[in-house]
Amino acid sequence: MTMLYRCDAPAAAIAKAFGARAGDDPWAGGHVAPGGFAPVVTAGREFVAGARLERQPRRLIPRLWGVPPPPSAGDPGRAVHSVRNPDSPFWIGNLRNSEFRCLVPATAFMEWGKGVDAEGKRRQHWFACADQSLFALAGVWKDSEVASFALLTCEPNAALRAAGRDAMPAILPADPKAQDLWLRGSWAEAKALLAPYPSSLMLER
């Protein structure tokens, strides 16, 4: 499970890349760790009450990485950072409702690998996309005491399997139509985007 990623672009650049309004988002770029705030791109419906009368502009807003768990989890302090089973009753209502899906901008993500490095520390593998320097991870948001989000996962590609992982974050294609489909499409269409990103289009740093 991805437990660290980077978004090395300021809010204004992210908003421009994803066609969103940055508003007052203070993001200046850097690491994102569980429990930290990060910018996400929404379809713009979260502040609009009532019927879906017209298409809203995308918004860039800060949200906390880590959704409070369901009561059945038994540990209310252990946030959920990734969605391994999108058909779970905990997630499916939000995922079927497109306004709860979001784009999570990133420039690289880290996965723990097998073994240790030369200093005896657990090995880190940093991955980026060769075809898009700023890419979108598929995300879903929930509102509770704090506005929060989680990352969707999928089967690993060859690069992630070689690093010893059994899942990877779902990276959306560079095509803006795919990003719009995640934000606004039906769940059946959006779910098809939860596929391994081609290893040939990935870089390990």
N, C-alpha and C. Protein backbone atom coordinates (compact mmCIF):
# COMPACT_ATOMS: atom_id res chain seq x y z
N MET A 1 0.84 -1.19 0.00
CA MET A 1 0.00 0.00 0.00
C MET A 1 0.88 1.24 0.00
N THR A 2 0.57 2.17 -0.90
CA THR A 2 1.31 3.42 -0.97
C THR A 2 1.14 4.20 0.33
N MET A 3 2.27 4.56 0.94
CA MET A 3 2.22 5.29 2.21
C MET A 3 2.95 6.62 2.13
N LEU A 4 3.36 7.02 0.93
CA LEU A 4 4.02 8.30 0.76
C LEU A 4 4.00 8.63 -0.73
N TYR A 5 3.69 9.87 -1.05
CA TYR A 5 3.82 10.30 -2.44
C TYR A 5 4.24 11.76 -2.47
N ARG A 6 4.61 12.23 -3.64
CA ARG A 6 5.05 13.60 -3.81
C ARG A 6 4.15 14.29 -4.83
N CYS A 7 3.97 15.57 -4.61
CA CYS A 7 3.32 16.42 -5.60
C CYS A 7 4.15 17.70 -5.68
N ASP A 8 5.14 17.67 -6.57
CA ASP A 8 6.11 18.77 -6.64
C ASP A 8 5.64 19.85 -7.61
N ALA A 9 4.47 20.36 -7.36
CA ALA A 9 3.91 21.46 -8.15
C ALA A 9 3.05 22.30 -7.22
N PRO A 10 3.09 23.62 -7.36
CA PRO A 10 2.24 24.47 -6.51
C PRO A 10 0.79 24.42 -6.97
N ALA A 11 -0.08 24.93 -6.13
CA ALA A 11 -1.52 24.85 -6.40
C ALA A 11 -1.90 25.46 -7.75
N ALA A 12 -1.32 26.59 -8.10
CA ALA A 12 -1.68 27.25 -9.36
C ALA A 12 -1.34 26.38 -10.56
N ALA A 13 -0.18 25.71 -10.51
CA ALA A 13 0.23 24.85 -11.62
C ALA A 13 -0.65 23.61 -11.71
N ILE A 14 -1.03 23.06 -10.55
CA ILE A 14 -1.91 21.90 -10.54
C ILE A 14 -3.27 22.26 -11.13
N ALA A 15 -3.80 23.40 -10.69
CA ALA A 15 -5.10 23.84 -11.19
C ALA A 15 -5.08 24.03 -12.69
N LYS A 16 -4.02 24.62 -13.21
CA LYS A 16 -3.91 24.84 -14.65
C LYS A 16 -3.84 23.51 -15.40
N ALA A 17 -3.07 22.56 -14.86
CA ALA A 17 -2.90 21.26 -15.54
C ALA A 17 -4.20 20.48 -15.59
N PHE A 18 -5.03 20.61 -14.56
CA PHE A 18 -6.26 19.81 -14.50
C PHE A 18 -7.52 20.64 -14.75
N GLY A 19 -7.37 21.86 -15.21
CA GLY A 19 -8.52 22.67 -15.56
C GLY A 19 -9.42 22.96 -14.39
N ALA A 20 -8.82 23.30 -13.25
CA ALA A 20 -9.59 23.53 -12.02
C ALA A 20 -9.36 24.94 -11.49
N ARG A 21 -10.23 25.35 -10.59
CA ARG A 21 -10.05 26.60 -9.89
C ARG A 21 -9.26 26.35 -8.61
N ALA A 22 -8.17 27.09 -8.44
CA ALA A 22 -7.31 26.86 -7.28
C ALA A 22 -7.85 27.50 -6.02
N GLY A 23 -8.62 28.57 -6.16
CA GLY A 23 -9.13 29.25 -4.97
C GLY A 23 -7.99 29.71 -4.08
N ASP A 24 -8.11 29.42 -2.79
CA ASP A 24 -7.07 29.83 -1.83
C ASP A 24 -6.22 28.64 -1.37
N ASP A 25 -6.17 27.58 -2.15
CA ASP A 25 -5.38 26.42 -1.74
C ASP A 25 -3.92 26.83 -1.55
N PRO A 26 -3.35 26.58 -0.37
CA PRO A 26 -2.00 27.05 -0.06
C PRO A 26 -0.88 26.11 -0.50
N TRP A 27 -1.21 24.99 -1.17
CA TRP A 27 -0.19 23.98 -1.47
C TRP A 27 0.97 24.58 -2.26
N ALA A 28 2.20 24.35 -1.77
CA ALA A 28 3.40 24.85 -2.43
C ALA A 28 4.23 23.75 -3.06
N GLY A 29 3.85 22.48 -2.83
CA GLY A 29 4.59 21.34 -3.35
C GLY A 29 5.34 20.61 -2.25
N GLY A 30 5.51 19.28 -2.43
CA GLY A 30 6.26 18.51 -1.46
C GLY A 30 5.69 17.13 -1.22
N HIS A 31 6.14 16.50 -0.12
CA HIS A 31 5.70 15.16 0.26
C HIS A 31 4.28 15.18 0.82
N VAL A 32 3.60 14.06 0.65
CA VAL A 32 2.31 13.84 1.29
C VAL A 32 2.38 12.51 2.03
N ALA A 33 2.14 12.53 3.32
CA ALA A 33 2.14 11.33 4.15
C ALA A 33 0.75 11.12 4.73
N PRO A 34 0.41 9.90 5.13
CA PRO A 34 -0.88 9.67 5.76
C PRO A 34 -1.13 10.62 6.93
N GLY A 35 -2.34 11.14 6.99
CA GLY A 35 -2.68 12.09 8.04
C GLY A 35 -2.35 13.53 7.70
N GLY A 36 -1.77 13.74 6.50
CA GLY A 36 -1.44 15.09 6.08
C GLY A 36 -2.43 15.60 5.04
N PHE A 37 -2.49 16.91 4.91
CA PHE A 37 -3.37 17.52 3.92
C PHE A 37 -2.68 17.58 2.57
N ALA A 38 -3.47 17.42 1.51
CA ALA A 38 -2.96 17.47 0.15
C ALA A 38 -4.05 18.01 -0.76
N PRO A 39 -3.68 18.59 -1.90
CA PRO A 39 -4.70 19.09 -2.82
C PRO A 39 -5.34 17.95 -3.61
N VAL A 40 -6.65 18.01 -3.78
CA VAL A 40 -7.36 17.08 -4.66
C VAL A 40 -8.25 17.89 -5.58
N VAL A 41 -8.54 17.33 -6.74
CA VAL A 41 -9.40 17.98 -7.73
C VAL A 41 -10.75 17.29 -7.71
N THR A 42 -11.80 18.06 -7.50
CA THR A 42 -13.15 17.51 -7.48
C THR A 42 -13.93 18.04 -8.69
N ALA A 43 -15.10 17.44 -8.91
CA ALA A 43 -15.96 17.88 -10.01
C ALA A 43 -16.71 19.16 -9.67
N GLY A 44 -16.52 19.67 -8.46
CA GLY A 44 -17.10 20.95 -8.09
C GLY A 44 -18.49 20.90 -7.51
N ARG A 45 -18.98 19.70 -7.18
CA ARG A 45 -20.33 19.57 -6.68
C ARG A 45 -20.42 19.62 -5.15
N GLU A 46 -19.29 19.54 -4.46
CA GLU A 46 -19.36 19.36 -3.01
C GLU A 46 -19.92 20.57 -2.27
N PHE A 47 -19.91 21.75 -2.91
CA PHE A 47 -20.46 22.94 -2.26
C PHE A 47 -21.78 23.38 -2.88
N VAL A 48 -22.34 22.55 -3.74
CA VAL A 48 -23.55 22.93 -4.47
C VAL A 48 -24.71 22.05 -4.03
N ALA A 49 -25.70 22.64 -3.37
CA ALA A 49 -26.84 21.87 -2.90
C ALA A 49 -27.91 21.77 -3.99
N GLY A 50 -28.74 20.74 -3.88
CA GLY A 50 -29.87 20.62 -4.78
C GLY A 50 -29.58 19.77 -6.00
N ALA A 51 -30.50 19.83 -6.95
CA ALA A 51 -30.41 18.99 -8.14
C ALA A 51 -29.22 19.38 -9.00
N ARG A 52 -28.75 18.44 -9.80
CA ARG A 52 -27.62 18.65 -10.68
C ARG A 52 -28.11 19.36 -11.95
N LEU A 53 -28.23 20.69 -11.86
CA LEU A 53 -28.83 21.45 -12.94
C LEU A 53 -27.83 21.80 -14.05
N GLU A 54 -26.59 21.97 -13.69
CA GLU A 54 -25.61 22.34 -14.70
C GLU A 54 -24.24 21.80 -14.30
N ARG A 55 -23.36 21.75 -15.27
CA ARG A 55 -22.00 21.26 -15.04
C ARG A 55 -21.22 22.29 -14.23
N GLN A 56 -20.65 21.87 -13.13
CA GLN A 56 -19.89 22.77 -12.28
C GLN A 56 -18.41 22.73 -12.66
N PRO A 57 -17.68 23.84 -12.46
CA PRO A 57 -16.24 23.83 -12.75
C PRO A 57 -15.49 22.99 -11.71
N ARG A 58 -14.42 22.39 -12.15
CA ARG A 58 -13.58 21.63 -11.22
C ARG A 58 -12.98 22.55 -10.16
N ARG A 59 -12.76 21.99 -8.98
CA ARG A 59 -12.16 22.75 -7.89
C ARG A 59 -10.94 22.02 -7.35
N LEU A 60 -9.94 22.78 -6.97
CA LEU A 60 -8.78 22.26 -6.26
C LEU A 60 -8.96 22.63 -4.79
N ILE A 61 -9.04 21.62 -3.93
CA ILE A 61 -9.28 21.89 -2.51
C ILE A 61 -8.39 20.98 -1.66
N PRO A 62 -8.00 21.42 -0.46
CA PRO A 62 -7.18 20.57 0.42
C PRO A 62 -8.06 19.59 1.19
N ARG A 63 -7.59 18.35 1.27
CA ARG A 63 -8.27 17.32 2.05
C ARG A 63 -7.23 16.47 2.77
N LEU A 64 -7.66 15.84 3.84
CA LEU A 64 -6.78 15.00 4.65
C LEU A 64 -6.67 13.62 4.04
N TRP A 65 -5.45 13.10 3.93
CA TRP A 65 -5.27 11.75 3.39
C TRP A 65 -5.51 10.74 4.51
N GLY A 66 -6.66 10.08 4.44
CA GLY A 66 -7.03 9.09 5.44
C GLY A 66 -8.46 9.29 5.91
N VAL A 67 -9.32 8.34 5.55
CA VAL A 67 -10.74 8.42 5.88
C VAL A 67 -11.01 7.69 7.19
N PRO A 68 -11.81 8.26 8.10
CA PRO A 68 -12.16 7.54 9.32
C PRO A 68 -12.77 6.18 8.98
N PRO A 69 -12.41 5.12 9.69
CA PRO A 69 -12.86 3.76 9.33
C PRO A 69 -14.31 3.53 9.72
N PRO A 70 -14.91 2.46 9.18
CA PRO A 70 -16.28 2.12 9.59
C PRO A 70 -16.28 1.64 11.04
N PRO A 71 -17.42 1.74 11.71
CA PRO A 71 -17.50 1.30 13.12
C PRO A 71 -17.06 -0.15 13.31
N SER A 72 -17.29 -0.99 12.30
CA SER A 72 -16.94 -2.40 12.43
C SER A 72 -15.44 -2.64 12.50
N ALA A 73 -14.64 -1.63 12.15
CA ALA A 73 -13.19 -1.80 12.16
C ALA A 73 -12.65 -1.95 13.57
N GLY A 74 -13.36 -1.40 14.55
CA GLY A 74 -12.96 -1.57 15.94
C GLY A 74 -11.90 -0.61 16.44
N ASP A 75 -11.29 0.16 15.53
CA ASP A 75 -10.24 1.10 15.94
C ASP A 75 -10.52 2.43 15.25
N PRO A 76 -11.27 3.32 15.88
CA PRO A 76 -11.65 4.59 15.25
C PRO A 76 -10.48 5.50 14.93
N GLY A 77 -9.33 5.25 15.50
CA GLY A 77 -8.17 6.08 15.25
C GLY A 77 -7.33 5.62 14.07
N ARG A 78 -7.68 4.49 13.49
CA ARG A 78 -6.89 3.94 12.39
C ARG A 78 -7.55 4.30 11.05
N ALA A 79 -7.10 5.36 10.45
CA ALA A 79 -7.70 5.85 9.22
C ALA A 79 -7.44 4.89 8.05
N VAL A 80 -8.32 4.95 7.06
CA VAL A 80 -8.20 4.13 5.86
C VAL A 80 -7.62 4.99 4.75
N HIS A 81 -6.46 4.60 4.23
CA HIS A 81 -5.76 5.42 3.24
C HIS A 81 -5.95 4.94 1.81
N SER A 82 -6.31 3.69 1.63
CA SER A 82 -6.47 3.16 0.28
C SER A 82 -7.70 2.26 0.21
N VAL A 83 -8.24 2.15 -0.99
CA VAL A 83 -9.42 1.34 -1.25
C VAL A 83 -8.97 0.09 -2.00
N ARG A 84 -8.91 -1.03 -1.30
CA ARG A 84 -8.53 -2.29 -1.94
C ARG A 84 -9.73 -2.99 -2.57
N ASN A 85 -10.90 -2.80 -1.97
CA ASN A 85 -12.11 -3.45 -2.47
C ASN A 85 -13.17 -2.37 -2.73
N PRO A 86 -13.26 -1.86 -3.97
CA PRO A 86 -14.21 -0.78 -4.25
C PRO A 86 -15.67 -1.20 -4.13
N ASP A 87 -15.94 -2.51 -4.12
CA ASP A 87 -17.32 -2.99 -3.99
C ASP A 87 -17.75 -3.12 -2.53
N SER A 88 -16.86 -2.79 -1.60
CA SER A 88 -17.21 -2.84 -0.18
C SER A 88 -18.37 -1.88 0.11
N PRO A 89 -19.29 -2.28 0.98
CA PRO A 89 -20.39 -1.38 1.34
C PRO A 89 -19.91 -0.03 1.88
N PHE A 90 -18.71 -0.01 2.46
CA PHE A 90 -18.18 1.24 3.01
C PHE A 90 -17.88 2.25 1.91
N TRP A 91 -17.53 1.75 0.70
CA TRP A 91 -17.10 2.64 -0.38
C TRP A 91 -18.11 2.77 -1.52
N ILE A 92 -18.89 1.75 -1.77
CA ILE A 92 -19.62 1.70 -3.02
C ILE A 92 -20.60 2.85 -3.19
N GLY A 93 -21.22 3.31 -2.11
CA GLY A 93 -22.15 4.43 -2.23
C GLY A 93 -21.47 5.69 -2.74
N ASN A 94 -20.29 5.98 -2.22
CA ASN A 94 -19.55 7.15 -2.69
C ASN A 94 -19.05 6.98 -4.12
N LEU A 95 -18.57 5.79 -4.44
CA LEU A 95 -18.01 5.57 -5.77
C LEU A 95 -19.08 5.58 -6.86
N ARG A 96 -20.25 5.10 -6.55
CA ARG A 96 -21.33 5.15 -7.53
C ARG A 96 -21.82 6.57 -7.78
N ASN A 97 -21.64 7.42 -6.79
CA ASN A 97 -22.02 8.82 -6.91
C ASN A 97 -20.79 9.60 -7.36
N SER A 98 -20.75 9.98 -8.63
CA SER A 98 -19.51 10.50 -9.23
C SER A 98 -18.96 11.73 -8.53
N GLU A 99 -19.81 12.52 -7.89
CA GLU A 99 -19.30 13.75 -7.28
C GLU A 99 -18.35 13.47 -6.12
N PHE A 100 -18.33 12.23 -5.61
CA PHE A 100 -17.42 11.88 -4.52
C PHE A 100 -16.07 11.35 -5.02
N ARG A 101 -15.95 11.17 -6.32
CA ARG A 101 -14.65 10.76 -6.87
C ARG A 101 -13.79 12.00 -7.08
N CYS A 102 -12.49 11.84 -6.96
CA CYS A 102 -11.59 12.98 -7.12
C CYS A 102 -10.30 12.55 -7.79
N LEU A 103 -9.58 13.53 -8.31
CA LEU A 103 -8.24 13.33 -8.85
C LEU A 103 -7.25 13.74 -7.76
N VAL A 104 -6.26 12.91 -7.53
CA VAL A 104 -5.23 13.22 -6.53
C VAL A 104 -3.92 13.48 -7.28
N PRO A 105 -3.54 14.75 -7.46
CA PRO A 105 -2.33 15.07 -8.22
C PRO A 105 -1.07 14.55 -7.55
N ALA A 106 -0.14 14.03 -8.36
CA ALA A 106 1.11 13.50 -7.83
C ALA A 106 2.20 13.60 -8.90
N THR A 107 3.45 13.62 -8.46
CA THR A 107 4.58 13.56 -9.38
C THR A 107 5.39 12.29 -9.18
N ALA A 108 5.21 11.60 -8.06
CA ALA A 108 5.87 10.32 -7.79
C ALA A 108 5.21 9.70 -6.57
N PHE A 109 5.34 8.37 -6.45
CA PHE A 109 4.82 7.70 -5.26
C PHE A 109 5.82 6.64 -4.82
N MET A 110 5.79 6.35 -3.54
CA MET A 110 6.75 5.41 -2.95
C MET A 110 6.07 4.11 -2.54
N GLU A 111 6.75 3.02 -2.80
CA GLU A 111 6.31 1.70 -2.33
C GLU A 111 7.48 1.04 -1.61
N TRP A 112 7.18 0.39 -0.50
CA TRP A 112 8.21 -0.37 0.20
C TRP A 112 8.55 -1.62 -0.61
N GLY A 113 9.84 -1.92 -0.71
CA GLY A 113 10.28 -3.08 -1.46
C GLY A 113 10.77 -4.20 -0.57
N LYS A 114 11.18 -5.27 -1.20
CA LYS A 114 11.72 -6.42 -0.48
C LYS A 114 13.14 -6.12 0.00
N GLY A 115 13.48 -6.59 1.17
CA GLY A 115 14.84 -6.48 1.67
C GLY A 115 15.18 -5.09 2.19
N VAL A 116 16.49 -4.86 2.38
CA VAL A 116 16.98 -3.60 2.92
C VAL A 116 18.04 -3.03 1.99
N ASP A 117 18.32 -1.74 2.16
CA ASP A 117 19.33 -1.10 1.33
C ASP A 117 20.72 -1.25 1.95
N ALA A 118 21.72 -0.56 1.39
CA ALA A 118 23.10 -0.69 1.86
C ALA A 118 23.27 -0.22 3.30
N GLU A 119 22.35 0.63 3.77
CA GLU A 119 22.45 1.12 5.14
C GLU A 119 21.61 0.30 6.11
N GLY A 120 21.04 -0.79 5.60
CA GLY A 120 20.22 -1.64 6.46
C GLY A 120 18.81 -1.14 6.68
N LYS A 121 18.41 -0.12 5.92
CA LYS A 121 17.06 0.42 6.03
C LYS A 121 16.12 -0.26 5.03
N ARG A 122 14.86 -0.30 5.39
CA ARG A 122 13.87 -0.90 4.51
C ARG A 122 13.92 -0.22 3.15
N ARG A 123 13.92 -1.00 2.09
CA ARG A 123 14.11 -0.46 0.74
C ARG A 123 12.89 0.33 0.27
N GLN A 124 13.17 1.50 -0.31
CA GLN A 124 12.11 2.33 -0.89
C GLN A 124 12.23 2.32 -2.41
N HIS A 125 11.10 2.23 -3.07
CA HIS A 125 11.04 2.35 -4.53
C HIS A 125 10.15 3.55 -4.86
N TRP A 126 10.71 4.52 -5.57
CA TRP A 126 9.94 5.68 -6.01
C TRP A 126 9.61 5.54 -7.49
N PHE A 127 8.34 5.69 -7.82
CA PHE A 127 7.88 5.53 -9.19
C PHE A 127 7.26 6.83 -9.69
N ALA A 128 7.50 7.12 -10.97
CA ALA A 128 6.90 8.27 -11.64
C ALA A 128 6.43 7.81 -13.02
N CYS A 129 5.72 8.68 -13.71
CA CYS A 129 5.21 8.36 -15.04
C CYS A 129 6.09 9.02 -16.10
N ALA A 130 6.51 8.24 -17.09
CA ALA A 130 7.37 8.76 -18.14
C ALA A 130 6.60 9.68 -19.10
N ASP A 131 5.28 9.47 -19.21
CA ASP A 131 4.50 10.22 -20.19
C ASP A 131 3.75 11.40 -19.60
N GLN A 132 3.81 11.60 -18.29
CA GLN A 132 3.16 12.76 -17.68
C GLN A 132 3.87 13.08 -16.36
N SER A 133 4.50 14.24 -16.31
CA SER A 133 5.27 14.60 -15.12
C SER A 133 4.37 14.86 -13.92
N LEU A 134 3.17 15.35 -14.17
CA LEU A 134 2.16 15.55 -13.13
C LEU A 134 0.97 14.67 -13.51
N PHE A 135 0.69 13.67 -12.70
CA PHE A 135 -0.36 12.73 -13.05
C PHE A 135 -1.43 12.68 -11.98
N ALA A 136 -2.53 12.02 -12.29
CA ALA A 136 -3.66 11.94 -11.37
C ALA A 136 -3.84 10.52 -10.87
N LEU A 137 -3.88 10.35 -9.55
CA LEU A 137 -4.26 9.10 -8.93
C LEU A 137 -5.77 9.13 -8.72
N ALA A 138 -6.41 8.00 -8.90
CA ALA A 138 -7.85 7.92 -8.68
C ALA A 138 -8.13 7.97 -7.19
N GLY A 139 -9.00 8.89 -6.79
CA GLY A 139 -9.33 9.04 -5.37
C GLY A 139 -10.82 9.11 -5.13
N VAL A 140 -11.19 8.99 -3.86
CA VAL A 140 -12.58 9.12 -3.45
C VAL A 140 -12.58 9.90 -2.14
N TRP A 141 -13.54 10.79 -1.97
CA TRP A 141 -13.57 11.59 -0.74
C TRP A 141 -14.83 11.32 0.07
N LYS A 142 -14.68 11.56 1.36
CA LYS A 142 -15.79 11.46 2.30
C LYS A 142 -15.73 12.67 3.23
N ASP A 143 -16.87 13.04 3.76
CA ASP A 143 -16.91 14.12 4.74
C ASP A 143 -17.32 13.56 6.10
N SER A 144 -16.56 13.90 7.11
CA SER A 144 -16.89 13.54 8.49
C SER A 144 -16.49 14.75 9.33
N GLU A 145 -15.79 14.54 10.43
CA GLU A 145 -15.31 15.67 11.20
C GLU A 145 -14.33 16.51 10.38
N VAL A 146 -13.54 15.82 9.54
CA VAL A 146 -12.57 16.47 8.68
C VAL A 146 -12.76 15.95 7.27
N ALA A 147 -12.74 16.84 6.29
CA ALA A 147 -12.86 16.41 4.89
C ALA A 147 -11.63 15.58 4.52
N SER A 148 -11.85 14.37 4.02
CA SER A 148 -10.74 13.44 3.81
C SER A 148 -10.89 12.69 2.50
N PHE A 149 -9.83 11.97 2.11
CA PHE A 149 -9.86 11.19 0.88
C PHE A 149 -9.02 9.93 1.05
N ALA A 150 -9.23 8.99 0.12
CA ALA A 150 -8.43 7.77 0.06
C ALA A 150 -8.09 7.50 -1.40
N LEU A 151 -7.05 6.71 -1.62
CA LEU A 151 -6.60 6.36 -2.97
C LEU A 151 -7.17 5.00 -3.38
N LEU A 152 -7.57 4.90 -4.64
CA LEU A 152 -8.00 3.62 -5.19
C LEU A 152 -6.78 2.82 -5.61
N THR A 153 -6.82 1.50 -5.44
CA THR A 153 -5.73 0.64 -5.86
C THR A 153 -6.20 -0.31 -6.95
N CYS A 154 -5.25 -0.98 -7.59
CA CYS A 154 -5.56 -1.96 -8.61
C CYS A 154 -4.47 -3.03 -8.60
N GLU A 155 -4.56 -3.96 -9.51
CA GLU A 155 -3.53 -4.98 -9.63
C GLU A 155 -2.19 -4.33 -9.99
N PRO A 156 -1.07 -4.86 -9.51
CA PRO A 156 0.22 -4.25 -9.82
C PRO A 156 0.67 -4.55 -11.25
N ASN A 157 1.43 -3.65 -11.83
CA ASN A 157 2.06 -3.96 -13.11
C ASN A 157 3.38 -4.69 -12.86
N ALA A 158 4.11 -4.98 -13.91
CA ALA A 158 5.34 -5.76 -13.77
C ALA A 158 6.37 -5.07 -12.88
N ALA A 159 6.45 -3.75 -12.99
CA ALA A 159 7.43 -3.00 -12.19
C ALA A 159 7.11 -3.09 -10.71
N LEU A 160 5.84 -3.00 -10.37
CA LEU A 160 5.45 -3.08 -8.96
C LEU A 160 5.57 -4.50 -8.44
N ARG A 161 5.27 -5.48 -9.28
CA ARG A 161 5.43 -6.88 -8.86
C ARG A 161 6.89 -7.18 -8.59
N ALA A 162 7.79 -6.62 -9.42
CA ALA A 162 9.22 -6.83 -9.22
C ALA A 162 9.69 -6.23 -7.90
N ALA A 163 8.99 -5.20 -7.44
CA ALA A 163 9.33 -4.57 -6.15
C ALA A 163 8.69 -5.31 -4.98
N GLY A 164 7.92 -6.36 -5.29
CA GLY A 164 7.33 -7.17 -4.24
C GLY A 164 5.95 -6.72 -3.80
N ARG A 165 5.26 -5.91 -4.62
CA ARG A 165 3.94 -5.39 -4.24
C ARG A 165 2.82 -6.23 -4.86
N ASP A 166 1.70 -6.33 -4.15
CA ASP A 166 0.55 -7.06 -4.66
C ASP A 166 -0.58 -6.12 -5.08
N ALA A 167 -0.30 -4.81 -5.06
CA ALA A 167 -1.26 -3.81 -5.51
C ALA A 167 -0.48 -2.53 -5.82
N MET A 168 -1.12 -1.61 -6.53
CA MET A 168 -0.51 -0.32 -6.82
C MET A 168 -1.61 0.73 -6.87
N PRO A 169 -1.26 2.00 -6.69
CA PRO A 169 -2.29 3.04 -6.82
C PRO A 169 -2.78 3.09 -8.26
N ALA A 170 -4.05 3.36 -8.44
CA ALA A 170 -4.63 3.45 -9.78
C ALA A 170 -4.28 4.81 -10.37
N ILE A 171 -3.43 4.79 -11.40
CA ILE A 171 -3.00 6.01 -12.08
C ILE A 171 -3.89 6.20 -13.30
N LEU A 172 -4.46 7.38 -13.45
CA LEU A 172 -5.33 7.64 -14.59
C LEU A 172 -4.51 8.00 -15.81
N PRO A 173 -4.97 7.61 -17.00
CA PRO A 173 -4.25 7.96 -18.24
C PRO A 173 -4.10 9.48 -18.39
N ALA A 174 -3.13 9.88 -19.20
CA ALA A 174 -2.88 11.30 -19.42
C ALA A 174 -4.04 11.97 -20.17
N ASP A 175 -4.84 11.21 -20.86
CA ASP A 175 -5.97 11.72 -21.63
C ASP A 175 -6.96 12.46 -20.72
N PRO A 176 -7.20 13.76 -20.94
CA PRO A 176 -8.17 14.49 -20.11
C PRO A 176 -9.56 13.85 -20.10
N LYS A 177 -9.92 13.13 -21.18
CA LYS A 177 -11.22 12.48 -21.22
C LYS A 177 -11.32 11.39 -20.16
N ALA A 178 -10.21 10.70 -19.90
CA ALA A 178 -10.22 9.66 -18.86
C ALA A 178 -10.38 10.30 -17.49
N GLN A 179 -9.72 11.42 -17.27
CA GLN A 179 -9.85 12.11 -15.99
C GLN A 179 -11.27 12.61 -15.80
N ASP A 180 -11.88 13.13 -16.85
CA ASP A 180 -13.26 13.60 -16.76
C ASP A 180 -14.21 12.43 -16.51
N LEU A 181 -13.90 11.28 -17.12
CA LEU A 181 -14.72 10.10 -16.91
C LEU A 181 -14.68 9.68 -15.45
N TRP A 182 -13.52 9.75 -14.82
CA TRP A 182 -13.43 9.40 -13.40
C TRP A 182 -14.26 10.36 -12.55
N LEU A 183 -14.26 11.63 -12.91
CA LEU A 183 -14.96 12.63 -12.12
C LEU A 183 -16.47 12.67 -12.38
N ARG A 184 -16.89 12.29 -13.58
CA ARG A 184 -18.28 12.53 -13.94
C ARG A 184 -19.01 11.33 -14.54
N GLY A 185 -18.29 10.28 -14.89
CA GLY A 185 -18.90 9.16 -15.58
C GLY A 185 -19.66 8.22 -14.66
N SER A 186 -20.34 7.26 -15.26
CA SER A 186 -21.03 6.23 -14.48
C SER A 186 -19.98 5.37 -13.78
N TRP A 187 -20.41 4.66 -12.74
CA TRP A 187 -19.46 3.82 -12.01
C TRP A 187 -18.95 2.70 -12.88
N ALA A 188 -19.79 2.13 -13.72
CA ALA A 188 -19.34 1.05 -14.60
C ALA A 188 -18.22 1.52 -15.52
N GLU A 189 -18.33 2.74 -16.04
CA GLU A 189 -17.29 3.29 -16.92
C GLU A 189 -16.05 3.65 -16.11
N ALA A 190 -16.25 4.29 -14.97
CA ALA A 190 -15.11 4.74 -14.16
C ALA A 190 -14.33 3.56 -13.60
N LYS A 191 -15.03 2.51 -13.19
CA LYS A 191 -14.37 1.35 -12.59
C LYS A 191 -13.38 0.71 -13.56
N ALA A 192 -13.66 0.81 -14.86
CA ALA A 192 -12.77 0.23 -15.87
C ALA A 192 -11.41 0.93 -15.90
N LEU A 193 -11.32 2.13 -15.32
CA LEU A 193 -10.05 2.86 -15.27
C LEU A 193 -9.13 2.34 -14.17
N LEU A 194 -9.64 1.48 -13.29
CA LEU A 194 -8.82 0.94 -12.20
C LEU A 194 -8.00 -0.24 -12.71
N ALA A 195 -7.03 0.09 -13.55
CA ALA A 195 -6.21 -0.92 -14.22
C ALA A 195 -4.73 -0.58 -14.04
N PRO A 196 -3.85 -1.58 -14.06
CA PRO A 196 -2.42 -1.32 -13.89
C PRO A 196 -1.89 -0.36 -14.95
N TYR A 197 -1.13 0.62 -14.53
CA TYR A 197 -0.51 1.54 -15.49
C TYR A 197 0.61 0.77 -16.20
N PRO A 198 0.76 0.95 -17.52
CA PRO A 198 1.79 0.19 -18.24
C PRO A 198 3.19 0.41 -17.68
N SER A 199 3.90 -0.67 -17.45
CA SER A 199 5.27 -0.56 -16.93
C SER A 199 6.16 0.24 -17.88
N SER A 200 5.87 0.15 -19.20
CA SER A 200 6.69 0.86 -20.19
C SER A 200 6.56 2.37 -20.06
N LEU A 201 5.52 2.83 -19.36
CA LEU A 201 5.30 4.27 -19.20
C LEU A 201 5.68 4.74 -17.80
N MET A 202 6.43 3.90 -17.06
CA MET A 202 6.81 4.26 -15.70
C MET A 202 8.32 4.35 -15.56
N LEU A 203 8.75 5.22 -14.65
CA LEU A 203 10.16 5.38 -14.32
C LEU A 203 10.36 5.06 -12.85
N GLU A 204 11.46 4.41 -12.51
CA GLU A 204 11.81 4.22 -11.11
C GLU A 204 12.97 5.14 -10.79
N ARG A 205 12.78 5.96 -9.77
CA ARG A 205 13.79 6.95 -9.41
C ARG A 205 14.67 6.44 -8.27
